[in-house]
Amino acid sequence: MGRIVLIFFIMAVIAAVVIGVALLGRGSRAGKPTLEEPREILKRRYAAGEIDEDEYLRRMSGLSQDW
């Protein structure tokens, strides 16, 4: 009888850990915005027509400089 209780206890602990890890992983992705690289943002803005070629090139060269 004691072994059966121990087996069920171990299974419950394993299930709780698996469910906890799954919930933590899902929660951390849901609340945080994705961080885009500055160069990718510039490419997207240039492709969408939000900035012109001169602005695109000026900002890309600024990103390339070591400060």
N, C-alpha and C. Protein backbone atom coordinates (compact mmCIF):
# COMPACT_ATOMS: atom_id res chain seq x y z
N MET A 1 0.82 -1.19 0.00
CA MET A 1 0.00 0.00 0.00
C MET A 1 0.87 1.26 0.00
N GLY A 2 1.95 1.24 0.74
CA GLY A 2 2.85 2.39 0.82
C GLY A 2 3.53 2.69 -0.50
N ARG A 3 3.86 1.64 -1.25
CA ARG A 3 4.50 1.85 -2.55
C ARG A 3 3.57 2.53 -3.53
N ILE A 4 2.31 2.17 -3.51
CA ILE A 4 1.33 2.76 -4.42
C ILE A 4 1.19 4.26 -4.13
N VAL A 5 1.12 4.60 -2.86
CA VAL A 5 1.02 6.01 -2.47
C VAL A 5 2.26 6.77 -2.91
N LEU A 6 3.42 6.17 -2.73
CA LEU A 6 4.67 6.80 -3.14
C LEU A 6 4.72 7.01 -4.64
N ILE A 7 4.28 6.02 -5.41
CA ILE A 7 4.27 6.13 -6.87
C ILE A 7 3.33 7.26 -7.30
N PHE A 8 2.13 7.33 -6.71
CA PHE A 8 1.20 8.39 -7.05
C PHE A 8 1.75 9.77 -6.66
N PHE A 9 2.43 9.84 -5.54
CA PHE A 9 3.03 11.09 -5.11
C PHE A 9 4.09 11.55 -6.10
N ILE A 10 4.95 10.65 -6.52
CA ILE A 10 6.01 10.98 -7.49
C ILE A 10 5.39 11.42 -8.81
N MET A 11 4.35 10.72 -9.26
CA MET A 11 3.68 11.09 -10.50
C MET A 11 3.05 12.48 -10.39
N ALA A 12 2.47 12.79 -9.24
CA ALA A 12 1.85 14.10 -9.04
C ALA A 12 2.91 15.21 -9.05
N VAL A 13 4.05 14.97 -8.44
CA VAL A 13 5.13 15.96 -8.43
C VAL A 13 5.65 16.18 -9.84
N ILE A 14 5.86 15.12 -10.59
CA ILE A 14 6.33 15.25 -11.98
C ILE A 14 5.31 16.02 -12.81
N ALA A 15 4.03 15.70 -12.67
CA ALA A 15 2.99 16.40 -13.42
C ALA A 15 2.96 17.88 -13.05
N ALA A 16 3.10 18.20 -11.77
CA ALA A 16 3.08 19.60 -11.33
C ALA A 16 4.27 20.37 -11.91
N VAL A 17 5.43 19.74 -11.95
CA VAL A 17 6.62 20.39 -12.52
C VAL A 17 6.43 20.63 -14.01
N VAL A 18 5.94 19.64 -14.72
CA VAL A 18 5.73 19.78 -16.17
C VAL A 18 4.72 20.89 -16.47
N ILE A 19 3.61 20.89 -15.75
CA ILE A 19 2.59 21.92 -15.96
C ILE A 19 3.12 23.30 -15.58
N GLY A 20 3.87 23.40 -14.50
CA GLY A 20 4.45 24.68 -14.10
C GLY A 20 5.42 25.23 -15.12
N VAL A 21 6.27 24.38 -15.64
CA VAL A 21 7.23 24.82 -16.66
C VAL A 21 6.50 25.27 -17.91
N ALA A 22 5.47 24.55 -18.31
CA ALA A 22 4.70 24.92 -19.50
C ALA A 22 4.02 26.27 -19.31
N LEU A 23 3.44 26.50 -18.15
CA LEU A 23 2.76 27.76 -17.90
C LEU A 23 3.73 28.92 -17.79
N LEU A 24 4.88 28.72 -17.19
CA LEU A 24 5.88 29.78 -17.09
C LEU A 24 6.43 30.15 -18.47
N GLY A 25 6.67 29.15 -19.29
CA GLY A 25 7.18 29.41 -20.63
C GLY A 25 6.19 30.17 -21.48
N ARG A 26 4.92 29.82 -21.37
CA ARG A 26 3.89 30.49 -22.15
C ARG A 26 3.67 31.91 -21.65
N GLY A 27 3.70 32.11 -20.36
CA GLY A 27 3.46 33.42 -19.79
C GLY A 27 4.55 34.42 -20.09
N SER A 28 5.79 33.99 -20.13
CA SER A 28 6.89 34.92 -20.37
C SER A 28 6.89 35.42 -21.81
N ARG A 29 6.45 34.61 -22.74
CA ARG A 29 6.39 35.06 -24.14
C ARG A 29 5.20 35.95 -24.40
N ALA A 30 4.10 35.73 -23.70
CA ALA A 30 2.87 36.47 -23.97
C ALA A 30 2.98 37.93 -23.55
N GLY A 31 3.68 38.24 -22.48
CA GLY A 31 3.71 39.59 -21.97
C GLY A 31 4.79 40.48 -22.53
N LYS A 32 5.79 39.93 -23.15
CA LYS A 32 6.92 40.72 -23.62
C LYS A 32 6.82 40.99 -25.11
N PRO A 33 7.05 42.24 -25.52
CA PRO A 33 7.08 42.50 -26.95
C PRO A 33 8.38 41.94 -27.54
N THR A 34 8.33 41.58 -28.78
CA THR A 34 9.54 41.07 -29.42
C THR A 34 10.46 42.25 -29.72
N LEU A 35 11.73 42.05 -29.50
CA LEU A 35 12.70 43.10 -29.77
C LEU A 35 13.28 42.89 -31.15
N GLU A 36 13.14 43.90 -31.98
CA GLU A 36 13.69 43.83 -33.32
C GLU A 36 15.06 44.50 -33.33
N GLU A 37 15.89 44.03 -34.19
CA GLU A 37 17.18 44.66 -34.38
C GLU A 37 16.98 45.99 -35.08
N PRO A 38 17.77 47.01 -34.74
CA PRO A 38 17.60 48.32 -35.37
C PRO A 38 17.70 48.29 -36.89
N ARG A 39 18.61 47.48 -37.41
CA ARG A 39 18.73 47.39 -38.88
C ARG A 39 17.47 46.80 -39.51
N GLU A 40 16.86 45.84 -38.85
CA GLU A 40 15.62 45.25 -39.37
C GLU A 40 14.48 46.26 -39.33
N ILE A 41 14.44 47.08 -38.29
CA ILE A 41 13.41 48.12 -38.21
C ILE A 41 13.59 49.10 -39.35
N LEU A 42 14.83 49.52 -39.59
CA LEU A 42 15.08 50.45 -40.69
C LEU A 42 14.71 49.84 -42.04
N LYS A 43 15.05 48.58 -42.25
CA LYS A 43 14.69 47.93 -43.51
C LYS A 43 13.18 47.90 -43.70
N ARG A 44 12.46 47.57 -42.61
CA ARG A 44 11.00 47.50 -42.70
C ARG A 44 10.41 48.88 -42.97
N ARG A 45 10.91 49.91 -42.28
CA ARG A 45 10.40 51.27 -42.48
C ARG A 45 10.69 51.78 -43.88
N TYR A 46 11.87 51.47 -44.40
CA TYR A 46 12.22 51.88 -45.77
C TYR A 46 11.34 51.16 -46.79
N ALA A 47 11.13 49.88 -46.59
CA ALA A 47 10.29 49.11 -47.50
C ALA A 47 8.84 49.59 -47.47
N ALA A 48 8.38 50.05 -46.31
CA ALA A 48 7.00 50.52 -46.18
C ALA A 48 6.83 51.96 -46.67
N GLY A 49 7.95 52.62 -46.98
CA GLY A 49 7.88 54.00 -47.46
C GLY A 49 7.80 55.03 -46.35
N GLU A 50 8.08 54.63 -45.13
CA GLU A 50 8.03 55.57 -44.01
C GLU A 50 9.22 56.52 -44.02
N ILE A 51 10.36 56.05 -44.51
CA ILE A 51 11.54 56.90 -44.63
C ILE A 51 12.08 56.77 -46.05
N ASP A 52 12.77 57.84 -46.51
CA ASP A 52 13.32 57.79 -47.86
C ASP A 52 14.73 57.19 -47.85
N GLU A 53 15.31 57.07 -49.04
CA GLU A 53 16.61 56.41 -49.17
C GLU A 53 17.70 57.16 -48.42
N ASP A 54 17.69 58.49 -48.48
CA ASP A 54 18.71 59.27 -47.79
C ASP A 54 18.66 59.02 -46.27
N GLU A 55 17.43 59.07 -45.73
CA GLU A 55 17.28 58.83 -44.29
C GLU A 55 17.71 57.42 -43.93
N TYR A 56 17.34 56.45 -44.76
CA TYR A 56 17.72 55.05 -44.54
C TYR A 56 19.25 54.90 -44.50
N LEU A 57 19.92 55.45 -45.50
CA LEU A 57 21.38 55.32 -45.57
C LEU A 57 22.06 56.07 -44.42
N ARG A 58 21.55 57.25 -44.07
CA ARG A 58 22.14 58.03 -42.98
C ARG A 58 22.03 57.27 -41.66
N ARG A 59 20.87 56.68 -41.39
CA ARG A 59 20.68 55.96 -40.13
C ARG A 59 21.46 54.65 -40.11
N MET A 60 21.54 53.97 -41.26
CA MET A 60 22.34 52.73 -41.30
C MET A 60 23.81 53.02 -41.05
N SER A 61 24.30 54.12 -41.62
CA SER A 61 25.72 54.45 -41.37
C SER A 61 25.92 54.81 -39.91
N GLY A 62 24.95 55.44 -39.29
CA GLY A 62 25.04 55.76 -37.87
C GLY A 62 25.09 54.50 -37.01
N LEU A 63 24.37 53.47 -37.42
CA LEU A 63 24.39 52.21 -36.68
C LEU A 63 25.71 51.49 -36.84
N SER A 64 26.39 51.73 -37.93
CA SER A 64 27.65 51.04 -38.20
C SER A 64 28.82 51.64 -37.41
N GLN A 65 28.67 52.86 -36.91
CA GLN A 65 29.75 53.52 -36.20
C GLN A 65 29.92 52.92 -34.81
N ASP A 66 31.17 52.86 -34.38
CA ASP A 66 31.47 52.45 -33.01
C ASP A 66 31.52 53.68 -32.13
N TRP A 67 30.77 53.68 -31.08
CA TRP A 67 30.71 54.86 -30.19
C TRP A 67 31.63 54.66 -29.05
